[in-house]
């Protein structure tokens, strides 16, 4: 059996080690790999892929905003005029403001 390790595998392995250290996944040393080690690494890589996929999905908006250099704009509503009430009351309770704002945008989307 040939004990020479393909240079592409070595490069890939180094990248895998960086990710595995960041997510505390132990990957065995490539100089003494056996078939059971390769199977274990395969399983660990699947787990690592799942973790990275979840992290990427969670940070997808932040990644795109960063790449497109979008500023972070936030609007804080501390008052809301309820146009549905007869006297057009002014809402100041955060929970009521949140509910009425959500209802407003749901109606906008429906129409």
PDB file of N, CA and C in Angstrom:
ATOM      1  N   UNK A   1       0.830  -1.177   0.000  1.00  0.00           N
ATOM      2  CA  UNK A   1       0.000   0.000   0.000  1.00  0.00           C
ATOM      3  C   UNK A   1       0.875   1.240   0.000  1.00  0.00           C
ATOM      4  N   UNK A   2       0.512   2.231  -0.788  1.00  0.00           N
ATOM      5  CA  UNK A   2       1.284   3.451  -0.935  1.00  0.00           C
ATOM      6  C   UNK A   2       1.048   4.373   0.265  1.00  0.00           C
ATOM      7  N   UNK A   3       2.118   4.774   0.968  1.00  0.00           N
ATOM      8  CA  UNK A   3       1.999   5.629   2.151  1.00  0.00           C
ATOM      9  C   UNK A   3       2.106   7.116   1.825  1.00  0.00           C
ATOM     10  N   UNK A   4       2.234   7.446   0.556  1.00  0.00           N
ATOM     11  CA  UNK A   4       2.346   8.850   0.158  1.00  0.00           C
ATOM     12  C   UNK A   4       0.952   9.467   0.153  1.00  0.00           C
ATOM     13  N   UNK A   5       0.829  10.603   0.844  1.00  0.00           N
ATOM     14  CA  UNK A   5      -0.458  11.298   0.942  1.00  0.00           C
ATOM     15  C   UNK A   5      -0.519  12.360  -0.146  1.00  0.00           C
ATOM     16  N   UNK A   6      -1.625  12.387  -0.846  1.00  0.00           N
ATOM     17  CA  UNK A   6      -1.846  13.362  -1.903  1.00  0.00           C
ATOM     18  C   UNK A   6      -1.768  14.782  -1.333  1.00  0.00           C
ATOM     19  N   UNK A   7      -1.005  15.688  -1.975  1.00  0.00           N
ATOM     20  CA  UNK A   7      -0.884  17.068  -1.483  1.00  0.00           C
ATOM     21  C   UNK A   7      -2.230  17.801  -1.406  1.00  0.00           C
ATOM     22  N   UNK A   8      -3.155  17.471  -2.288  1.00  0.00           N
ATOM     23  CA  UNK A   8      -4.482  18.105  -2.233  1.00  0.00           C
ATOM     24  C   UNK A   8      -5.194  17.728  -0.933  1.00  0.00           C
ATOM     25  N   UNK A   9      -5.042  16.460  -0.554  1.00  0.00           N
ATOM     26  CA  UNK A   9      -5.661  16.005   0.683  1.00  0.00           C
ATOM     27  C   UNK A   9      -5.050  16.731   1.878  1.00  0.00           C
ATOM     28  N   UNK A  10      -3.735  16.932   1.860  1.00  0.00           N
ATOM     29  CA  UNK A  10      -3.063  17.629   2.953  1.00  0.00           C
ATOM     30  C   UNK A  10      -3.581  19.064   3.081  1.00  0.00           C
ATOM     31  N   UNK A  11      -3.735  19.750   1.965  1.00  0.00           N
ATOM     32  CA  UNK A  11      -4.260  21.116   1.974  1.00  0.00           C
ATOM     33  C   UNK A  11      -5.684  21.142   2.497  1.00  0.00           C
ATOM     34  N   UNK A  12      -6.493  20.229   2.019  1.00  0.00           N
ATOM     35  CA  UNK A  12      -7.875  20.140   2.471  1.00  0.00           C
ATOM     36  C   UNK A  12      -7.931  19.803   3.957  1.00  0.00           C
ATOM     37  N   UNK A  13      -7.079  18.895   4.390  1.00  0.00           N
ATOM     38  CA  UNK A  13      -7.049  18.497   5.794  1.00  0.00           C
ATOM     39  C   UNK A  13      -6.713  19.684   6.698  1.00  0.00           C
ATOM     40  N   UNK A  14      -5.780  20.531   6.270  1.00  0.00           N
ATOM     41  CA  UNK A  14      -5.415  21.710   7.072  1.00  0.00           C
ATOM     42  C   UNK A  14      -6.604  22.656   7.218  1.00  0.00           C
ATOM     43  N   UNK A  15      -7.369  22.815   6.156  1.00  0.00           N
ATOM     44  CA  UNK A  15      -8.567  23.661   6.228  1.00  0.00           C
ATOM     45  C   UNK A  15      -9.599  23.047   7.182  1.00  0.00           C
ATOM     46  N   UNK A  16      -9.743  21.735   7.089  1.00  0.00           N
ATOM     47  CA  UNK A  16     -10.683  21.033   7.967  1.00  0.00           C
ATOM     48  C   UNK A  16     -10.259  21.204   9.429  1.00  0.00           C
ATOM     49  N   UNK A  17      -8.972  21.139   9.692  1.00  0.00           N
ATOM     50  CA  UNK A  17      -8.479  21.300  11.057  1.00  0.00           C
ATOM     51  C   UNK A  17      -8.826  22.673  11.616  1.00  0.00           C
ATOM     52  N   UNK A  18      -8.717  23.711  10.797  1.00  0.00           N
ATOM     53  CA  UNK A  18      -9.049  25.058  11.250  1.00  0.00           C
ATOM     54  C   UNK A  18     -10.510  25.132  11.681  1.00  0.00           C
ATOM     55  N   UNK A  19     -11.415  24.611  10.837  1.00  0.00           N
ATOM     56  CA  UNK A  19     -12.835  24.608  11.185  1.00  0.00           C
ATOM     57  C   UNK A  19     -13.108  23.726  12.397  1.00  0.00           C
ATOM     58  N   UNK A  20     -12.471  22.564  12.445  1.00  0.00           N
ATOM     59  CA  UNK A  20     -12.741  21.638  13.541  1.00  0.00           C
ATOM     60  C   UNK A  20     -12.282  22.218  14.874  1.00  0.00           C
ATOM     61  N   UNK A  21     -11.192  22.961  14.880  1.00  0.00           N
ATOM     62  CA  UNK A  21     -10.730  23.588  16.118  1.00  0.00           C
ATOM     63  C   UNK A  21     -11.700  24.676  16.557  1.00  0.00           C
ATOM     64  N   UNK A  22     -12.220  25.422  15.599  1.00  0.00           N
ATOM     65  CA  UNK A  22     -13.158  26.506  15.927  1.00  0.00           C
ATOM     66  C   UNK A  22     -14.435  25.954  16.550  1.00  0.00           C
ATOM     67  N   UNK A  23     -14.872  24.776  16.097  1.00  0.00           N
ATOM     68  CA  UNK A  23     -16.109  24.182  16.595  1.00  0.00           C
ATOM     69  C   UNK A  23     -15.861  22.987  17.513  1.00  0.00           C
ATOM     70  N   UNK A  24     -14.653  22.899  18.038  1.00  0.00           N
ATOM     71  CA  UNK A  24     -14.229  21.858  18.984  1.00  0.00           C
ATOM     72  C   UNK A  24     -14.608  20.445  18.544  1.00  0.00           C
ATOM     73  N   UNK A  25     -14.207  20.107  17.338  1.00  0.00           N
ATOM     74  CA  UNK A  25     -14.384  18.758  16.805  1.00  0.00           C
ATOM     75  C   UNK A  25     -12.978  18.169  16.621  1.00  0.00           C
ATOM     76  N   UNK A  26     -12.744  17.009  17.191  1.00  0.00           N
ATOM     77  CA  UNK A  26     -11.413  16.397  17.138  1.00  0.00           C
ATOM     78  C   UNK A  26     -11.266  15.590  15.852  1.00  0.00           C
ATOM     79  N   UNK A  27     -10.224  15.909  15.088  1.00  0.00           N
ATOM     80  CA  UNK A  27      -9.927  15.189  13.840  1.00  0.00           C
ATOM     81  C   UNK A  27      -8.569  14.518  14.026  1.00  0.00           C
ATOM     82  N   UNK A  28      -8.459  13.217  13.743  1.00  0.00           N
ATOM     83  CA  UNK A  28      -7.183  12.516  13.950  1.00  0.00           C
ATOM     84  C   UNK A  28      -6.084  12.993  12.992  1.00  0.00           C
ATOM     85  N   UNK A  29      -4.859  12.686  13.363  1.00  0.00           N
ATOM     86  CA  UNK A  29      -3.691  13.033  12.568  1.00  0.00           C
ATOM     87  C   UNK A  29      -3.680  12.213  11.272  1.00  0.00           C
ATOM     88  N   UNK A  30      -3.405  12.869  10.136  1.00  0.00           N
ATOM     89  CA  UNK A  30      -3.487  12.170   8.850  1.00  0.00           C
ATOM     90  C   UNK A  30      -2.317  11.236   8.570  1.00  0.00           C
ATOM     91  N   UNK A  31      -1.247  11.319   9.343  1.00  0.00           N
ATOM     92  CA  UNK A  31      -0.089  10.473   9.048  1.00  0.00           C
ATOM     93  C   UNK A  31      -0.332   9.013   9.416  1.00  0.00           C
ATOM     94  N   UNK A  32      -1.349   8.726  10.240  1.00  0.00           N
ATOM     95  CA  UNK A  32      -1.589   7.362  10.686  1.00  0.00           C
ATOM     96  C   UNK A  32      -3.032   6.932  10.427  1.00  0.00           C
ATOM     97  N   UNK A  33      -3.575   7.325   9.308  1.00  0.00           N
ATOM     98  CA  UNK A  33      -4.978   7.037   9.022  1.00  0.00           C
ATOM     99  C   UNK A  33      -5.204   5.572   8.652  1.00  0.00           C
ATOM    100  N   UNK A  34      -6.244   5.020   9.216  1.00  0.00           N
ATOM    101  CA  UNK A  34      -6.721   3.696   8.868  1.00  0.00           C
ATOM    102  C   UNK A  34      -8.136   3.863   8.324  1.00  0.00           C
ATOM    103  N   UNK A  35      -8.701   2.799   7.771  1.00  0.00           N
ATOM    104  CA  UNK A  35     -10.037   2.887   7.173  1.00  0.00           C
ATOM    105  C   UNK A  35     -11.075   3.328   8.204  1.00  0.00           C
ATOM    106  N   UNK A  36     -10.951   2.851   9.468  1.00  0.00           N
ATOM    107  CA  UNK A  36     -11.912   3.277  10.488  1.00  0.00           C
ATOM    108  C   UNK A  36     -11.749   4.771  10.797  1.00  0.00           C
ATOM    109  N   UNK A  37     -10.526   5.300  10.707  1.00  0.00           N
ATOM    110  CA  UNK A  37     -10.308   6.734  10.900  1.00  0.00           C
ATOM    111  C   UNK A  37     -10.988   7.540   9.794  1.00  0.00           C
ATOM    112  N   UNK A  38     -10.862   7.024   8.574  1.00  0.00           N
ATOM    113  CA  UNK A  38     -11.475   7.708   7.437  1.00  0.00           C
ATOM    114  C   UNK A  38     -12.998   7.725   7.607  1.00  0.00           C
ATOM    115  N   UNK A  39     -13.562   6.631   8.060  1.00  0.00           N
ATOM    116  CA  UNK A  39     -15.017   6.587   8.303  1.00  0.00           C
ATOM    117  C   UNK A  39     -15.414   7.579   9.401  1.00  0.00           C
ATOM    118  N   UNK A  40     -14.596   7.641  10.455  1.00  0.00           N
ATOM    119  CA  UNK A  40     -14.884   8.570  11.543  1.00  0.00           C
ATOM    120  C   UNK A  40     -14.774  10.021  11.046  1.00  0.00           C
ATOM    121  N   UNK A  41     -13.752  10.306  10.267  1.00  0.00           N
ATOM    122  CA  UNK A  41     -13.577  11.651   9.714  1.00  0.00           C
ATOM    123  C   UNK A  41     -14.764  11.998   8.829  1.00  0.00           C
ATOM    124  N   UNK A  42     -15.206  11.052   8.043  1.00  0.00           N
ATOM    125  CA  UNK A  42     -16.372  11.286   7.174  1.00  0.00           C
ATOM    126  C   UNK A  42     -17.573  11.685   8.019  1.00  0.00           C
ATOM    127  N   UNK A  43     -17.809  10.961   9.104  1.00  0.00           N
ATOM    128  CA  UNK A  43     -18.918  11.268   9.999  1.00  0.00           C
ATOM    129  C   UNK A  43     -18.743  12.656  10.630  1.00  0.00           C
ATOM    130  N   UNK A  44     -17.523  12.973  11.057  1.00  0.00           N
ATOM    131  CA  UNK A  44     -17.251  14.283  11.654  1.00  0.00           C
ATOM    132  C   UNK A  44     -17.448  15.412  10.630  1.00  0.00           C
ATOM    133  N   UNK A  45     -17.058  15.153   9.393  1.00  0.00           N
ATOM    134  CA  UNK A  45     -17.234  16.167   8.349  1.00  0.00           C
ATOM    135  C   UNK A  45     -18.713  16.431   8.074  1.00  0.00           C
ATOM    136  N   UNK A  46     -19.505  15.393   8.136  1.00  0.00           N
ATOM    137  CA  UNK A  46     -20.954  15.568   7.968  1.00  0.00           C
ATOM    138  C   UNK A  46     -21.493  16.439   9.097  1.00  0.00           C
ATOM    139  N   UNK A  47     -21.060  16.156  10.339  1.00  0.00           N
ATOM    140  CA  UNK A  47     -21.486  16.971  11.482  1.00  0.00           C
ATOM    141  C   UNK A  47     -21.018  18.414  11.332  1.00  0.00           C
ATOM    142  N   UNK A  48     -19.782  18.588  10.917  1.00  0.00           N
ATOM    143  CA  UNK A  48     -19.229  19.928  10.717  1.00  0.00           C
ATOM    144  C   UNK A  48     -20.002  20.678   9.638  1.00  0.00           C
ATOM    145  N   UNK A  49     -20.343  19.987   8.567  1.00  0.00           N
ATOM    146  CA  UNK A  49     -21.131  20.599   7.492  1.00  0.00           C
ATOM    147  C   UNK A  49     -22.486  21.067   8.016  1.00  0.00           C
ATOM    148  N   UNK A  50     -23.124  20.262   8.847  1.00  0.00           N
ATOM    149  CA  UNK A  50     -24.416  20.639   9.428  1.00  0.00           C
ATOM    150  C   UNK A  50     -24.279  21.899  10.275  1.00  0.00           C
ATOM    151  N   UNK A  51     -23.244  21.942  11.112  1.00  0.00           N
ATOM    152  CA  UNK A  51     -23.023  23.107  11.972  1.00  0.00           C
ATOM    153  C   UNK A  51     -22.776  24.351  11.130  1.00  0.00           C
ATOM    154  N   UNK A  52     -21.921  24.236  10.137  1.00  0.00           N
ATOM    155  CA  UNK A  52     -21.603  25.386   9.290  1.00  0.00           C
ATOM    156  C   UNK A  52     -22.814  25.843   8.494  1.00  0.00           C
ATOM    157  N   UNK A  53     -23.649  24.909   8.067  1.00  0.00           N
ATOM    158  CA  UNK A  53     -24.859  25.268   7.336  1.00  0.00           C
ATOM    159  C   UNK A  53     -25.811  26.062   8.223  1.00  0.00           C
ATOM    160  N   UNK A  54     -25.952  25.625   9.452  1.00  0.00           N
ATOM    161  CA  UNK A  54     -26.823  26.333  10.395  1.00  0.00           C
ATOM    162  C   UNK A  54     -26.277  27.727  10.678  1.00  0.00           C
ATOM    163  N   UNK A  55     -24.982  27.823  10.920  1.00  0.00           N
ATOM    164  CA  UNK A  55     -24.357  29.126  11.189  1.00  0.00           C
ATOM    165  C   UNK A  55     -24.529  30.049   9.987  1.00  0.00           C
ATOM    166  N   UNK A  56     -24.331  29.508   8.797  1.00  0.00           N
ATOM    167  CA  UNK A  56     -24.479  30.334   7.586  1.00  0.00           C
ATOM    168  C   UNK A  56     -25.907  30.825   7.429  1.00  0.00           C
ATOM    169  N   UNK A  57     -26.886  29.976   7.702  1.00  0.00           N
ATOM    170  CA  UNK A  57     -28.286  30.398   7.582  1.00  0.00           C
ATOM    171  C   UNK A  57     -28.622  31.460   8.616  1.00  0.00           C
ATOM    172  N   UNK A  58     -28.100  31.315   9.826  1.00  0.00           N
ATOM    173  CA  UNK A  58     -28.378  32.290  10.869  1.00  0.00           C
ATOM    174  C   UNK A  58     -27.767  33.648  10.543  1.00  0.00           C
ATOM    175  N   UNK A  59     -26.626  33.629   9.891  1.00  0.00           N
ATOM    176  CA  UNK A  59     -25.918  34.871   9.604  1.00  0.00           C
ATOM    177  C   UNK A  59     -26.086  35.337   8.167  1.00  0.00           C
ATOM    178  N   UNK A  60     -27.003  34.736   7.414  1.00  0.00           N
ATOM    179  CA  UNK A  60     -27.138  35.036   5.992  1.00  0.00           C
ATOM    180  C   UNK A  60     -27.401  36.528   5.743  1.00  0.00           C
ATOM    181  N   UNK A  61     -28.334  37.126   6.455  1.00  0.00           N
ATOM    182  CA  UNK A  61     -28.655  38.532   6.261  1.00  0.00           C
ATOM    183  C   UNK A  61     -27.447  39.396   6.611  1.00  0.00           C
ATOM    184  N   UNK A  62     -26.787  39.097   7.714  1.00  0.00           N
ATOM    185  CA  UNK A  62     -25.616  39.869   8.119  1.00  0.00           C
ATOM    186  C   UNK A  62     -24.500  39.757   7.086  1.00  0.00           C
ATOM    187  N   UNK A  63     -24.341  38.574   6.503  1.00  0.00           N
ATOM    188  CA  UNK A  63     -23.304  38.377   5.486  1.00  0.00           C
ATOM    189  C   UNK A  63     -23.605  39.226   4.252  1.00  0.00           C
ATOM    190  N   UNK A  64     -24.856  39.168   3.780  1.00  0.00           N
ATOM    191  CA  UNK A  64     -25.218  39.954   2.600  1.00  0.00           C
ATOM    192  C   UNK A  64     -25.122  41.451   2.879  1.00  0.00           C
ATOM    193  N   UNK A  65     -25.582  41.889   4.042  1.00  0.00           N
ATOM    194  CA  UNK A  65     -25.487  43.308   4.386  1.00  0.00           C
ATOM    195  C   UNK A  65     -24.032  43.765   4.415  1.00  0.00           C
ATOM    196  N   UNK A  66     -23.175  42.919   4.950  1.00  0.00           N
ATOM    197  CA  UNK A  66     -21.755  43.258   5.008  1.00  0.00           C
ATOM    198  C   UNK A  66     -21.141  43.318   3.611  1.00  0.00           C
ATOM    199  N   UNK A  67     -21.449  42.309   2.786  1.00  0.00           N
ATOM    200  CA  UNK A  67     -20.901  42.283   1.428  1.00  0.00           C
ATOM    201  C   UNK A  67     -21.378  43.462   0.592  1.00  0.00           C
ATOM    202  N   UNK A  68     -22.639  43.843   0.785  1.00  0.00           N
ATOM    203  CA  UNK A  68     -23.214  44.946   0.015  1.00  0.00           C
ATOM    204  C   UNK A  68     -23.028  46.294   0.713  1.00  0.00           C
ATOM    205  N   UNK A  69     -22.352  46.255   1.854  1.00  0.00           N
ATOM    206  CA  UNK A  69     -22.070  47.462   2.637  1.00  0.00           C
ATOM    207  C   UNK A  69     -23.345  48.236   2.962  1.00  0.00           C
ATOM    208  N   UNK A  70     -24.394  47.503   3.358  1.00  0.00           N
ATOM    209  CA  UNK A  70     -25.648  48.135   3.769  1.00  0.00           C
ATOM    210  C   UNK A  70     -25.508  48.645   5.195  1.00  0.00           C
ATOM    211  N   UNK A  71     -25.951  49.859   5.445  1.00  0.00           N
ATOM    212  CA  UNK A  71     -25.954  50.330   6.832  1.00  0.00           C
ATOM    213  C   UNK A  71     -27.088  49.664   7.607  1.00  0.00           C
ATOM    214  N   UNK A  72     -26.934  49.590   8.889  1.00  0.00           N
ATOM    215  CA  UNK A  72     -27.971  49.001   9.733  1.00  0.00           C
ATOM    216  C   UNK A  72     -28.930  50.111  10.166  1.00  0.00           C
ATOM    217  N   UNK A  73     -30.132  50.103   9.611  1.00  0.00           N
ATOM    218  CA  UNK A  73     -31.136  51.107   9.947  1.00  0.00           C
ATOM    219  C   UNK A  73     -32.241  50.455  10.760  1.00  0.00           C
ATOM    220  N   UNK A  74     -32.580  51.088  11.876  1.00  0.00           N
ATOM    221  CA  UNK A  74     -33.628  50.570  12.738  1.00  0.00           C
ATOM    222  C   UNK A  74     -34.602  51.691  13.053  1.00  0.00           C
ATOM    223  N   UNK A  75     -35.876  51.375  13.008  1.00  0.00           N
ATOM    224  CA  UNK A  75     -36.910  52.337  13.377  1.00  0.00           C
ATOM    225  C   UNK A  75     -37.537  51.851  14.676  1.00  0.00           C
ATOM    226  N   UNK A  76     -37.582  52.715  15.658  1.00  0.00           N
ATOM    227  CA  UNK A  76     -38.198  52.382  16.934  1.00  0.00           C
ATOM    228  C   UNK A  76     -39.502  53.165  17.040  1.00  0.00           C
ATOM    229  N   UNK A  77     -40.600  52.440  17.122  1.00  0.00           N
ATOM    230  CA  UNK A  77     -41.904  53.080  17.264  1.00  0.00           C
ATOM    231  C   UNK A  77     -42.249  53.151  18.745  1.00  0.00           C
ATOM    232  N   UNK A  78     -42.382  54.369  19.255  1.00  0.00           N
ATOM    233  CA  UNK A  78     -42.775  54.520  20.650  1.00  0.00           C
ATOM    234  C   UNK A  78     -44.196  55.074  20.776  1.00  0.00           C
ATOM    235  N   UNK A  79     -44.807  55.425  19.638  1.00  0.00           N
ATOM    236  CA  UNK A  79     -46.191  55.902  19.607  1.00  0.00           C
ATOM    237  C   UNK A  79     -46.846  55.394  18.335  1.00  0.00           C
ATOM    238  N   UNK A  80     -48.176  55.233  18.411  1.00  0.00           N
ATOM    239  CA  UNK A  80     -48.910  54.749  17.244  1.00  0.00           C
ATOM    240  C   UNK A  80     -50.326  55.317  17.312  1.00  0.00           C
ATOM    241  N   UNK A  81     -50.767  55.946  16.238  1.00  0.00           N
ATOM    242  CA  UNK A  81     -52.132  56.440  16.180  1.00  0.00           C
ATOM    243  C   UNK A  81     -53.002  55.335  15.609  1.00  0.00           C
ATOM    244  N   UNK A  82     -53.964  54.912  16.417  1.00  0.00           N
ATOM    245  CA  UNK A  82     -54.851  53.833  16.013  1.00  0.00           C
ATOM    246  C   UNK A  82     -55.973  54.409  15.149  1.00  0.00           C
ATOM    247  N   UNK A  83     -55.837  54.288  13.839  1.00  0.00           N
ATOM    248  CA  UNK A  83     -56.831  54.815  12.914  1.00  0.00           C
ATOM    249  C   UNK A  83     -58.110  53.988  12.884  1.00  0.00           C
ATOM    250  N   UNK A  84     -58.090  52.816  13.483  1.00  0.00           N
ATOM    251  CA  UNK A  84     -59.286  51.965  13.514  1.00  0.00           C
ATOM    252  C   UNK A  84     -60.246  52.360  14.623  1.00  0.00           C
ATOM    253  N   UNK A  85     -59.763  53.067  15.619  1.00  0.00           N
ATOM    254  CA  UNK A  85     -60.670  53.480  16.700  1.00  0.00           C
ATOM    255  C   UNK A  85     -61.380  54.771  16.285  1.00  0.00           C
ATOM    256  N   UNK A  86     -62.556  54.988  16.850  1.00  0.00           N
ATOM    257  CA  UNK A  86     -63.382  56.140  16.495  1.00  0.00           C
ATOM    258  C   UNK A  86     -62.692  57.456  16.837  1.00  0.00           C
ATOM    259  N   UNK A  87     -62.033  57.505  17.998  1.00  0.00           N
ATOM    260  CA  UNK A  87     -61.388  58.749  18.439  1.00  0.00           C
ATOM    261  C   UNK A  87     -59.907  58.825  18.064  1.00  0.00           C
ATOM    262  N   UNK A  88     -59.438  57.913  17.243  1.00  0.00           N
ATOM    263  CA  UNK A  88     -58.036  57.875  16.789  1.00  0.00           C
ATOM    264  C   UNK A  88     -57.066  57.994  17.971  1.00  0.00           C
ATOM    265  N   UNK A  89     -57.180  57.038  18.860  1.00  0.00           N
ATOM    266  CA  UNK A  89     -56.390  57.080  20.091  1.00  0.00           C
ATOM    267  C   UNK A  89     -54.900  56.924  19.831  1.00  0.00           C
ATOM    268  N   UNK A  90     -54.112  57.514  20.708  1.00  0.00           N
ATOM    269  CA  UNK A  90     -52.653  57.419  20.641  1.00  0.00           C
ATOM    270  C   UNK A  90     -52.209  56.279  21.545  1.00  0.00           C
ATOM    271  N   UNK A  91     -51.580  55.280  20.952  1.00  0.00           N
ATOM    272  CA  UNK A  91     -51.095  54.133  21.727  1.00  0.00           C
ATOM    273  C   UNK A  91     -49.658  54.383  22.152  1.00  0.00           C
ATOM    274  N   UNK A  92     -49.355  54.100  23.417  1.00  0.00           N
ATOM    275  CA  UNK A  92     -47.986  54.265  23.916  1.00  0.00           C
ATOM    276  C   UNK A  92     -47.451  52.986  24.563  1.00  0.00           C
ATOM    277  N   UNK A  93     -48.330  52.033  24.809  1.00  0.00           N
ATOM    278  CA  UNK A  93     -47.902  50.763  25.390  1.00  0.00           C
ATOM    279  C   UNK A  93     -47.163  49.951  24.319  1.00  0.00           C
ATOM    280  N   UNK A  94     -45.909  49.540  24.592  1.00  0.00           N
ATOM    281  CA  UNK A  94     -45.116  48.827  23.573  1.00  0.00           C
ATOM    282  C   UNK A  94     -45.810  47.586  22.999  1.00  0.00           C
ATOM    283  N   UNK A  95     -46.522  46.838  23.830  1.00  0.00           N
ATOM    284  CA  UNK A  95     -47.192  45.627  23.345  1.00  0.00           C
ATOM    285  C   UNK A  95     -48.326  45.988  22.378  1.00  0.00           C
ATOM    286  N   UNK A  96     -49.117  47.027  22.716  1.00  0.00           N
ATOM    287  CA  UNK A  96     -50.184  47.472  21.822  1.00  0.00           C
ATOM    288  C   UNK A  96     -49.630  48.017  20.514  1.00  0.00           C
ATOM    289  N   UNK A  97     -48.529  48.754  20.607  1.00  0.00           N
ATOM    290  CA  UNK A  97     -47.880  49.297  19.396  1.00  0.00           C
ATOM    291  C   UNK A  97     -47.422  48.154  18.508  1.00  0.00           C
ATOM    292  N   UNK A  98     -46.805  47.150  19.100  1.00  0.00           N
ATOM    293  CA  UNK A  98     -46.325  45.989  18.338  1.00  0.00           C
ATOM    294  C   UNK A  98     -47.487  45.266  17.657  1.00  0.00           C
ATOM    295  N   UNK A  99     -48.574  45.056  18.385  1.00  0.00           N
ATOM    296  CA  UNK A  99     -49.734  44.362  17.816  1.00  0.00           C
ATOM    297  C   UNK A  99     -50.360  45.146  16.669  1.00  0.00           C
ATOM    298  N   UNK A 100     -50.561  46.438  16.863  1.00  0.00           N
ATOM    299  CA  UNK A 100     -51.189  47.264  15.830  1.00  0.00           C
ATOM    300  C   UNK A 100     -50.291  47.419  14.604  1.00  0.00           C
ATOM    301  N   UNK A 101     -48.989  47.519  14.821  1.00  0.00           N
ATOM    302  CA  UNK A 101     -48.047  47.615  13.701  1.00  0.00           C
ATOM    303  C   UNK A 101     -48.066  46.328  12.888  1.00  0.00           C
ATOM    304  N   UNK A 102     -48.052  45.190  13.564  1.00  0.00           N
ATOM    305  CA  UNK A 102     -48.103  43.897  12.871  1.00  0.00           C
ATOM    306  C   UNK A 102     -49.404  43.780  12.086  1.00  0.00           C
ATOM    307  N   UNK A 103     -50.534  44.167  12.712  1.00  0.00           N
ATOM    308  CA  UNK A 103     -51.837  44.104  12.046  1.00  0.00           C
ATOM    309  C   UNK A 103     -51.849  45.007  10.801  1.00  0.00           C
ATOM    310  N   UNK A 104     -51.262  46.195  10.939  1.00  0.00           N
ATOM    311  CA  UNK A 104     -51.201  47.123   9.803  1.00  0.00           C
ATOM    312  C   UNK A 104     -50.461  46.491   8.621  1.00  0.00           C
ATOM    313  N   UNK A 105     -49.287  45.950   8.879  1.00  0.00           N
ATOM    314  CA  UNK A 105     -48.492  45.395   7.780  1.00  0.00           C
ATOM    315  C   UNK A 105     -49.113  44.118   7.218  1.00  0.00           C
ATOM    316  N   UNK A 106     -49.827  43.375   8.029  1.00  0.00           N
ATOM    317  CA  UNK A 106     -50.538  42.199   7.506  1.00  0.00           C
ATOM    318  C   UNK A 106     -51.634  42.636   6.540  1.00  0.00           C
ATOM    319  N   UNK A 107     -52.326  43.714   6.871  1.00  0.00           N
ATOM    320  CA  UNK A 107     -53.381  44.223   5.991  1.00  0.00           C
ATOM    321  C   UNK A 107     -52.784  44.783   4.715  1.00  0.00           C
ATOM    322  N   UNK A 108     -51.635  45.439   4.792  1.00  0.00           N
ATOM    323  CA  UNK A 108     -50.981  45.995   3.608  1.00  0.00           C
ATOM    324  C   UNK A 108     -50.584  44.876   2.656  1.00  0.00           C
ATOM    325  N   UNK A 109     -50.049  43.804   3.204  1.00  0.00           N
ATOM    326  CA  UNK A 109     -49.607  42.676   2.381  1.00  0.00           C
ATOM    327  C   UNK A 109     -50.806  41.983   1.733  1.00  0.00           C
ATOM    328  N   UNK A 110     -51.913  41.871   2.467  1.00  0.00           N
ATOM    329  CA  UNK A 110     -53.101  41.201   1.939  1.00  0.00           C
ATOM    330  C   UNK A 110     -53.747  41.955   0.795  1.00  0.00           C
ATOM    331  N   UNK A 111     -53.636  43.286   0.818  1.00  0.00           N
ATOM    332  CA  UNK A 111     -54.326  44.064  -0.230  1.00  0.00           C
ATOM    333  C   UNK A 111     -53.526  44.201  -1.494  1.00  0.00           C
TER     334      UNK A 111
END
